[in-house]
C-alpha atoms as a PDB file:
ATOM      1  CA  UNK A   1       0.000   0.000   0.000  1.00  0.00           C
ATOM      2  CA  UNK A   2       1.406   3.355  -1.051  1.00  0.00           C
ATOM      3  CA  UNK A   3       1.885   5.992   1.606  1.00  0.00           C
ATOM      4  CA  UNK A   4      -0.345   9.044   1.423  1.00  0.00           C
ATOM      5  CA  UNK A   5       1.795  12.096   0.741  1.00  0.00           C
ATOM      6  CA  UNK A   6       0.913  15.731   1.150  1.00  0.00           C
ATOM      7  CA  UNK A   7       3.005  18.398  -0.537  1.00  0.00           C
ATOM      8  CA  UNK A   8       2.985  21.877   0.965  1.00  0.00           C
ATOM      9  CA  UNK A   9       3.897  24.898  -1.121  1.00  0.00           C
ATOM     10  CA  UNK A  10       7.439  26.052  -0.441  1.00  0.00           C
ATOM     11  CA  UNK A  11       8.095  29.749   0.163  1.00  0.00           C
ATOM     12  CA  UNK A  12      11.525  31.364   0.178  1.00  0.00           C
ATOM     13  CA  UNK A  13      10.647  33.671   3.050  1.00  0.00           C
ATOM     14  CA  UNK A  14       7.852  35.028   5.220  1.00  0.00           C
ATOM     15  CA  UNK A  15       7.174  37.944   2.852  1.00  0.00           C
ATOM     16  CA  UNK A  16       6.624  35.550  -0.040  1.00  0.00           C
ATOM     17  CA  UNK A  17       4.118  33.582   2.053  1.00  0.00           C
ATOM     18  CA  UNK A  18       2.442  36.804   3.110  1.00  0.00           C
ATOM     19  CA  UNK A  19       2.126  37.984  -0.503  1.00  0.00           C
ATOM     20  CA  UNK A  20       0.727  34.569  -1.464  1.00  0.00           C
ATOM     21  CA  UNK A  21      -2.026  34.889   1.165  1.00  0.00           C
ATOM     22  CA  UNK A  22      -2.789  38.480   0.146  1.00  0.00           C
ATOM     23  CA  UNK A  23      -3.087  37.610  -3.550  1.00  0.00           C
ATOM     24  CA  UNK A  24      -5.002  34.384  -2.852  1.00  0.00           C
ATOM     25  CA  UNK A  25      -7.655  36.241  -0.836  1.00  0.00           C
ATOM     26  CA  UNK A  26      -7.526  39.378  -3.032  1.00  0.00           C
ATOM     27  CA  UNK A  27      -6.770  41.541  -0.025  1.00  0.00           C
ATOM     28  CA  UNK A  28      -6.415  45.291  -0.346  1.00  0.00           C
ATOM     29  CA  UNK A  29      -2.966  45.926   1.091  1.00  0.00           C
ATOM     30  CA  UNK A  30      -4.023  49.440   2.102  1.00  0.00           C
ATOM     31  CA  UNK A  31      -6.761  47.969   4.311  1.00  0.00           C
ATOM     32  CA  UNK A  32      -5.433  44.606   5.490  1.00  0.00           C
ATOM     33  CA  UNK A  33      -7.816  42.473   7.594  1.00  0.00           C
ATOM     34  CA  UNK A  34      -5.011  41.664   9.992  1.00  0.00           C
ATOM     35  CA  UNK A  35      -6.986  39.115  12.042  1.00  0.00           C
ATOM     36  CA  UNK A  36      -7.846  36.957   9.023  1.00  0.00           C
ATOM     37  CA  UNK A  37      -4.365  37.262   7.543  1.00  0.00           C
ATOM     38  CA  UNK A  38      -2.737  36.311  10.834  1.00  0.00           C
ATOM     39  CA  UNK A  39      -4.970  33.241  11.215  1.00  0.00           C
ATOM     40  CA  UNK A  40      -4.072  31.976   7.731  1.00  0.00           C
ATOM     41  CA  UNK A  41      -0.383  32.619   8.307  1.00  0.00           C
ATOM     42  CA  UNK A  42      -0.432  30.721  11.612  1.00  0.00           C
ATOM     43  CA  UNK A  43      -2.396  27.879  10.002  1.00  0.00           C
ATOM     44  CA  UNK A  44       0.416  27.414   7.472  1.00  0.00           C
ATOM     45  CA  UNK A  45       2.999  27.271  10.273  1.00  0.00           C
ATOM     46  CA  UNK A  46       0.843  24.729  12.101  1.00  0.00           C
ATOM     47  CA  UNK A  47       0.873  22.548   8.994  1.00  0.00           C
ATOM     48  CA  UNK A  48       4.659  22.674   8.951  1.00  0.00           C
ATOM     49  CA  UNK A  49       4.788  21.622  12.612  1.00  0.00           C
ATOM     50  CA  UNK A  50       2.301  18.802  11.958  1.00  0.00           C
ATOM     51  CA  UNK A  51       4.595  17.278   9.354  1.00  0.00           C
ATOM     52  CA  UNK A  52       7.724  17.859  11.438  1.00  0.00           C
ATOM     53  CA  UNK A  53       9.105  20.409   9.000  1.00  0.00           C
ATOM     54  CA  UNK A  54      11.585  22.847  10.489  1.00  0.00           C
ATOM     55  CA  UNK A  55      10.369  26.424  10.562  1.00  0.00           C
ATOM     56  CA  UNK A  56      12.941  29.076   9.800  1.00  0.00           C
ATOM     57  CA  UNK A  57      13.381  31.815  12.375  1.00  0.00           C
ATOM     58  CA  UNK A  58      12.282  34.564   9.977  1.00  0.00           C
ATOM     59  CA  UNK A  59       8.859  32.917   9.654  1.00  0.00           C
ATOM     60  CA  UNK A  60       8.499  32.995  13.435  1.00  0.00           C
ATOM     61  CA  UNK A  61       9.550  36.656  13.556  1.00  0.00           C
ATOM     62  CA  UNK A  62       6.830  37.518  11.023  1.00  0.00           C
ATOM     63  CA  UNK A  63       4.286  35.502  13.042  1.00  0.00           C
ATOM     64  CA  UNK A  64       5.189  37.476  16.152  1.00  0.00           C
ATOM     65  CA  UNK A  65       4.861  40.725  14.193  1.00  0.00           C
ATOM     66  CA  UNK A  66       1.389  39.790  12.904  1.00  0.00           C
ATOM     67  CA  UNK A  67       0.238  38.749  16.386  1.00  0.00           C
ATOM     68  CA  UNK A  68       1.555  42.012  17.808  1.00  0.00           C
ATOM     69  CA  UNK A  69      -0.318  44.072  15.209  1.00  0.00           C
ATOM     70  CA  UNK A  70      -3.473  42.006  15.756  1.00  0.00           C
ATOM     71  CA  UNK A  71      -3.364  42.508  19.518  1.00  0.00           C
ATOM     72  CA  UNK A  72      -2.741  46.256  19.181  1.00  0.00           C
ATOM     73  CA  UNK A  73      -5.780  46.601  16.936  1.00  0.00           C
ATOM     74  CA  UNK A  74      -8.022  44.530  19.243  1.00  0.00           C
ATOM     75  CA  UNK A  75      -7.066  46.254  22.509  1.00  0.00           C
ATOM     76  CA  UNK A  76      -9.218  49.204  23.579  1.00  0.00           C
ATOM     77  CA  UNK A  77      -7.691  52.509  22.599  1.00  0.00           C
ATOM     78  CA  UNK A  78      -7.198  55.284  25.136  1.00  0.00           C
ATOM     79  CA  UNK A  79      -8.944  58.551  24.562  1.00  0.00           C
ATOM     80  CA  UNK A  80      -6.840  61.114  22.751  1.00  0.00           C
ATOM     81  CA  UNK A  81      -7.109  64.747  21.914  1.00  0.00           C
ATOM     82  CA  UNK A  82      -9.028  65.712  18.783  1.00  0.00           C
ATOM     83  CA  UNK A  83      -5.992  67.095  16.927  1.00  0.00           C
ATOM     84  CA  UNK A  84      -3.885  63.992  17.578  1.00  0.00           C
ATOM     85  CA  UNK A  85      -4.153  61.267  14.945  1.00  0.00           C
ATOM     86  CA  UNK A  86      -3.675  57.668  15.976  1.00  0.00           C
ATOM     87  CA  UNK A  87      -0.999  55.726  14.080  1.00  0.00           C
ATOM     88  CA  UNK A  88      -2.223  52.654  12.259  1.00  0.00           C
ATOM     89  CA  UNK A  89      -0.390  49.555  13.594  1.00  0.00           C
ATOM     90  CA  UNK A  90      -0.478  48.099  10.069  1.00  0.00           C
ATOM     91  CA  UNK A  91       1.497  50.994   8.552  1.00  0.00           C
ATOM     92  CA  UNK A  92       4.936  49.425   9.061  1.00  0.00           C
ATOM     93  CA  UNK A  93       3.732  46.114   7.585  1.00  0.00           C
ATOM     94  CA  UNK A  94       2.231  47.973   4.615  1.00  0.00           C
ATOM     95  CA  UNK A  95       5.572  49.688   3.933  1.00  0.00           C
ATOM     96  CA  UNK A  96       7.403  46.362   3.977  1.00  0.00           C
ATOM     97  CA  UNK A  97       4.859  44.826   1.580  1.00  0.00           C
ATOM     98  CA  UNK A  98       5.221  47.750  -0.874  1.00  0.00           C
ATOM     99  CA  UNK A  99       9.020  47.474  -0.786  1.00  0.00           C
ATOM    100  CA  UNK A 100       8.804  43.719  -1.327  1.00  0.00           C
ATOM    101  CA  UNK A 101       6.592  44.277  -4.368  1.00  0.00           C
ATOM    102  CA  UNK A 102       9.194  46.615  -5.853  1.00  0.00           C
ATOM    103  CA  UNK A 103      11.900  43.999  -5.307  1.00  0.00           C
ATOM    104  CA  UNK A 104       9.690  41.411  -7.012  1.00  0.00           C
ATOM    105  CA  UNK A 105       9.345  43.620 -10.106  1.00  0.00           C
ATOM    106  CA  UNK A 106      13.084  44.271 -10.281  1.00  0.00           C
ATOM    107  CA  UNK A 107      13.815  40.567  -9.797  1.00  0.00           C
ATOM    108  CA  UNK A 108      11.489  39.650 -12.666  1.00  0.00           C
ATOM    109  CA  UNK A 109      13.246  42.106 -14.974  1.00  0.00           C
ATOM    110  CA  UNK A 110      16.712  40.822 -13.998  1.00  0.00           C
ATOM    111  CA  UNK A 111      15.652  37.187 -14.432  1.00  0.00           C
ATOM    112  CA  UNK A 112      14.303  37.947 -17.914  1.00  0.00           C
ATOM    113  CA  UNK A 113      17.534  39.763 -18.801  1.00  0.00           C
ATOM    114  CA  UNK A 114      19.586  36.810 -17.541  1.00  0.00           C
ATOM    115  CA  UNK A 115      17.449  34.407 -19.580  1.00  0.00           C
ATOM    116  CA  UNK A 116      17.893  36.495 -22.733  1.00  0.00           C
ATOM    117  CA  UNK A 117      21.637  36.787 -22.102  1.00  0.00           C
ATOM    118  CA  UNK A 118      21.890  33.022 -21.670  1.00  0.00           C
ATOM    119  CA  UNK A 119      20.685  32.534 -25.234  1.00  0.00           C
ATOM    120  CA  UNK A 120      23.601  34.534 -26.609  1.00  0.00           C
ATOM    121  CA  UNK A 121      27.196  33.538 -27.147  1.00  0.00           C
ATOM    122  CA  UNK A 122      29.776  36.311 -27.135  1.00  0.00           C
ATOM    123  CA  UNK A 123      33.467  36.469 -27.899  1.00  0.00           C
ATOM    124  CA  UNK A 124      36.238  39.015 -27.690  1.00  0.00           C
ATOM    125  CA  UNK A 125      36.409  41.517 -30.576  1.00  0.00           C
ATOM    126  CA  UNK A 126      38.467  40.157 -33.461  1.00  0.00           C
ATOM    127  CA  UNK A 127      41.047  42.217 -35.308  1.00  0.00           C
ATOM    128  CA  UNK A 128      39.820  42.708 -38.853  1.00  0.00           C
ATOM    129  CA  UNK A 129      42.213  43.409 -41.680  1.00  0.00           C
ATOM    130  CA  UNK A 130      41.567  46.589 -43.648  1.00  0.00           C
ATOM    131  CA  UNK A 131      43.102  45.083 -46.788  1.00  0.00           C
ATOM    132  CA  UNK A 132      40.836  44.977 -49.800  1.00  0.00           C
ATOM    133  CA  UNK A 133      41.656  42.921 -52.885  1.00  0.00           C
ATOM    134  CA  UNK A 134      39.979  43.834 -56.157  1.00  0.00           C
ATOM    135  CA  UNK A 135      39.914  41.102 -58.787  1.00  0.00           C
ATOM    136  CA  UNK A 136      38.194  40.351 -62.038  1.00  0.00           C
ATOM    137  CA  UNK A 137      35.171  38.904 -60.280  1.00  0.00           C
ATOM    138  CA  UNK A 138      34.407  42.193 -58.551  1.00  0.00           C
ATOM    139  CA  UNK A 139      32.751  45.299 -60.007  1.00  0.00           C
ATOM    140  CA  UNK A 140      35.189  47.730 -61.592  1.00  0.00           C
ATOM    141  CA  UNK A 141      33.471  50.759 -60.069  1.00  0.00           C
ATOM    142  CA  UNK A 142      36.397  51.265 -57.677  1.00  0.00           C
ATOM    143  CA  UNK A 143      38.869  51.248 -60.565  1.00  0.00           C
ATOM    144  CA  UNK A 144      36.717  53.639 -62.570  1.00  0.00           C
ATOM    145  CA  UNK A 145      36.701  56.037 -59.622  1.00  0.00           C
ATOM    146  CA  UNK A 146      40.487  55.772 -59.329  1.00  0.00           C
ATOM    147  CA  UNK A 147      40.800  56.457 -63.057  1.00  0.00           C
ATOM    148  CA  UNK A 148      38.651  59.567 -62.694  1.00  0.00           C
ATOM    149  CA  UNK A 149      41.002  60.781 -59.980  1.00  0.00           C
ATOM    150  CA  UNK A 150      43.935  60.318 -62.364  1.00  0.00           C
ATOM    151  CA  UNK A 151      42.158  62.443 -64.951  1.00  0.00           C
ATOM    152  CA  UNK A 152      41.332  65.094 -62.346  1.00  0.00           C
ATOM    153  CA  UNK A 153      44.984  65.380 -61.319  1.00  0.00           C
ATOM    154  CA  UNK A 154      46.075  65.769 -64.918  1.00  0.00           C
ATOM    155  CA  UNK A 155      44.808  69.320 -65.252  1.00  0.00           C
ATOM    156  CA  UNK A 156      46.641  69.789 -68.503  1.00  0.00           C
ATOM    157  CA  UNK A 157      44.371  67.261 -70.188  1.00  0.00           C
ATOM    158  CA  UNK A 158      41.166  68.823 -71.425  1.00  0.00           C
ATOM    159  CA  UNK A 159      38.365  67.432 -73.506  1.00  0.00           C
ATOM    160  CA  UNK A 160      38.665  68.648 -77.128  1.00  0.00           C
ATOM    161  CA  UNK A 161      36.071  71.210 -78.121  1.00  0.00           C
ATOM    162  CA  UNK A 162      35.882  69.813 -81.630  1.00  0.00           C
ATOM    163  CA  UNK A 163      35.669  66.139 -82.608  1.00  0.00           C
ATOM    164  CA  UNK A 164      38.865  65.065 -84.348  1.00  0.00           C
ATOM    165  CA  UNK A 165      39.025  61.732 -86.171  1.00  0.00           C
ATOM    166  CA  UNK A 166      42.529  60.303 -86.492  1.00  0.00           C
ATOM    167  CA  UNK A 167      44.240  56.978 -86.755  1.00  0.00           C
ATOM    168  CA  UNK A 168      45.029  55.246 -83.483  1.00  0.00           C
ATOM    169  CA  UNK A 169      48.766  55.359 -82.845  1.00  0.00           C
ATOM    170  CA  UNK A 170      48.694  52.359 -80.514  1.00  0.00           C
ATOM    171  CA  UNK A 171      46.548  49.366 -79.688  1.00  0.00           C
ATOM    172  CA  UNK A 172      45.237  47.945 -76.416  1.00  0.00           C
ATOM    173  CA  UNK A 173      47.521  44.943 -76.950  1.00  0.00           C
ATOM    174  CA  UNK A 174      50.516  47.271 -77.177  1.00  0.00           C
ATOM    175  CA  UNK A 175      49.521  49.050 -73.967  1.00  0.00           C
ATOM    176  CA  UNK A 176      49.173  45.651 -72.255  1.00  0.00           C
ATOM    177  CA  UNK A 177      52.722  44.752 -73.284  1.00  0.00           C
ATOM    178  CA  UNK A 178      54.011  48.142 -72.178  1.00  0.00           C
ATOM    179  CA  UNK A 179      52.378  47.783 -68.762  1.00  0.00           C
ATOM    180  CA  UNK A 180      53.786  44.284 -68.211  1.00  0.00           C
ATOM    181  CA  UNK A 181      57.265  45.536 -69.227  1.00  0.00           C
ATOM    182  CA  UNK A 182      56.960  48.457 -66.811  1.00  0.00           C
ATOM    183  CA  UNK A 183      55.953  46.122 -63.991  1.00  0.00           C
ATOM    184  CA  UNK A 184      58.924  43.854 -64.633  1.00  0.00           C
ATOM    185  CA  UNK A 185      61.301  46.817 -64.553  1.00  0.00           C
ATOM    186  CA  UNK A 186      59.783  48.049 -61.266  1.00  0.00           C
ATOM    187  CA  UNK A 187      59.955  44.699 -59.487  1.00  0.00           C
ATOM    188  CA  UNK A 188      56.382  43.658 -60.289  1.00  0.00           C
ATOM    189  CA  UNK A 189      54.658  46.481 -58.428  1.00  0.00           C
ATOM    190  CA  UNK A 190      53.691  50.038 -59.446  1.00  0.00           C
ATOM    191  CA  UNK A 191      51.270  52.692 -58.282  1.00  0.00           C
ATOM    192  CA  UNK A 192      47.989  53.001 -60.125  1.00  0.00           C
ATOM    193  CA  UNK A 193      48.740  56.471 -61.499  1.00  0.00           C
ATOM    194  CA  UNK A 194      52.240  55.385 -62.663  1.00  0.00           C
ATOM    195  CA  UNK A 195      50.692  53.081 -65.263  1.00  0.00           C
ATOM    196  CA  UNK A 196      49.218  55.954 -67.288  1.00  0.00           C
ATOM    197  CA  UNK A 197      52.300  57.943 -68.196  1.00  0.00           C
ATOM    198  CA  UNK A 198      52.076  61.347 -69.886  1.00  0.00           C
ATOM    199  CA  UNK A 199      49.894  60.502 -72.879  1.00  0.00           C
ATOM    200  CA  UNK A 200      46.747  62.210 -74.026  1.00  0.00           C
ATOM    201  CA  UNK A 201      43.223  61.426 -73.034  1.00  0.00           C
ATOM    202  CA  UNK A 202      42.705  58.728 -75.659  1.00  0.00           C
ATOM    203  CA  UNK A 203      45.967  57.066 -74.602  1.00  0.00           C
ATOM    204  CA  UNK A 204      44.904  57.103 -70.962  1.00  0.00           C
ATOM    205  CA  UNK A 205      41.619  55.451 -71.850  1.00  0.00           C
ATOM    206  CA  UNK A 206      43.470  52.840 -73.887  1.00  0.00           C
ATOM    207  CA  UNK A 207      45.771  52.163 -70.946  1.00  0.00           C
ATOM    208  CA  UNK A 208      42.778  51.747 -68.655  1.00  0.00           C
ATOM    209  CA  UNK A 209      41.215  49.239 -71.072  1.00  0.00           C
ATOM    210  CA  UNK A 210      44.539  47.384 -71.202  1.00  0.00           C
ATOM    211  CA  UNK A 211      44.582  47.226 -67.400  1.00  0.00           C
ATOM    212  CA  UNK A 212      41.094  45.730 -67.334  1.00  0.00           C
ATOM    213  CA  UNK A 213      42.098  43.130 -69.919  1.00  0.00           C
ATOM    214  CA  UNK A 214      45.197  42.174 -67.923  1.00  0.00           C
ATOM    215  CA  UNK A 215      43.032  41.761 -64.833  1.00  0.00           C
ATOM    216  CA  UNK A 216      40.636  39.574 -66.788  1.00  0.00           C
ATOM    217  CA  UNK A 217      43.537  37.397 -67.883  1.00  0.00           C
ATOM    218  CA  UNK A 218      44.796  37.381 -64.266  1.00  0.00           C
ATOM    219  CA  UNK A 219      48.132  38.731 -65.446  1.00  0.00           C
ATOM    220  CA  UNK A 220      47.920  41.525 -62.879  1.00  0.00           C
ATOM    221  CA  UNK A 221      45.940  42.170 -59.731  1.00  0.00           C
ATOM    222  CA  UNK A 222      44.831  45.382 -58.090  1.00  0.00           C
ATOM    223  CA  UNK A 223      45.275  45.837 -54.356  1.00  0.00           C
ATOM    224  CA  UNK A 224      44.713  48.449 -51.729  1.00  0.00           C
ATOM    225  CA  UNK A 225      46.648  47.601 -48.566  1.00  0.00           C
ATOM    226  CA  UNK A 226      44.503  49.739 -46.271  1.00  0.00           C
ATOM    227  CA  UNK A 227      41.498  51.992 -46.125  1.00  0.00           C
ATOM    228  CA  UNK A 228      42.195  55.133 -48.211  1.00  0.00           C
ATOM    229  CA  UNK A 229      45.639  53.742 -49.095  1.00  0.00           C
ATOM    230  CA  UNK A 230      46.996  54.155 -52.663  1.00  0.00           C
ATOM    231  CA  UNK A 231      45.844  51.601 -55.228  1.00  0.00           C
ATOM    232  CA  UNK A 232      48.715  49.508 -56.585  1.00  0.00           C
ATOM    233  CA  UNK A 233      49.086  47.189 -59.574  1.00  0.00           C
ATOM    234  CA  UNK A 234      50.903  43.896 -58.954  1.00  0.00           C
ATOM    235  CA  UNK A 235      52.244  41.531 -61.602  1.00  0.00           C
ATOM    236  CA  UNK A 236      51.119  37.945 -61.031  1.00  0.00           C
ATOM    237  CA  UNK A 237      53.428  34.945 -61.369  1.00  0.00           C
ATOM    238  CA  UNK A 238      51.833  34.023 -64.690  1.00  0.00           C
ATOM    239  CA  UNK A 239      52.611  37.428 -66.120  1.00  0.00           C
ATOM    240  CA  UNK A 240      56.147  37.330 -64.753  1.00  0.00           C
ATOM    241  CA  UNK A 241      56.875  34.011 -66.429  1.00  0.00           C
END
C-alpha cells in the first residue's frame, strides 16, 4: 500500500508567504484584515509543525509581528485629543509589503535579462584586416573612380572642343605589353597612377582598357593595402613568367 503524501507549497521567506495569502484572498494591502491574515499565516505554520518540517526563524519573527499588530488593533484605545491622529499599527507592515513588491518587479526584470543573455554567445572583438583585394570577379566601379582621380589630377588634359578623327597610334595589346614591361622593370609592383604615363586622353583610356584586360587574364591584380591607401598594380606569377 502506497503511503499518502501531502506536498505543501514552499516559500523562500515570510514575505513571499504573506504575498501569497494576500493575492489568494484578493486583499487590499491598504486595508489589510489583519486578524484573518494572521490566522491563515499561523495555520500554514501549524501545517509545517504537523509534518515535522523545520520552521525558519524569519517565519516565526513575522508571526510574532502579525500577532503584535493584531493585539494592538483589538485592545481598547485610550482617549486622545481631537488634533492627535492615531498611528495605524499596520502601517509598518504595509511599507514592507510595498518594498517587497518593488523587489519582485526588479527581480522579474533581472531574471528575464539573464534568460535572454543566456541565449547569446559572445566572444572578444576580433582584429579585422583593412586590406581589400579587387579582382576580375568584382565590379570595376572602384577602378573607374580611381581612373577619374587620375584624370582630375592631370589638369593639362582637357576634352577637345571639336571632334577630331585620327588613326590610333597604338593598340590595347601594345599598352598591355608596355604595362607588363613596366611592372617587370619596377619589381612587379607600381602605383595606379604610374601606369598611365604622360599621354593624351585617348591614350589614358586605352591604358585603362589594357589594365582591365590584364586583370581579366589574371596577369595583374589590383590591391589596396589599407582603407584610403593608394591603389597599386601587382604583376602575377603568370605574367612574370
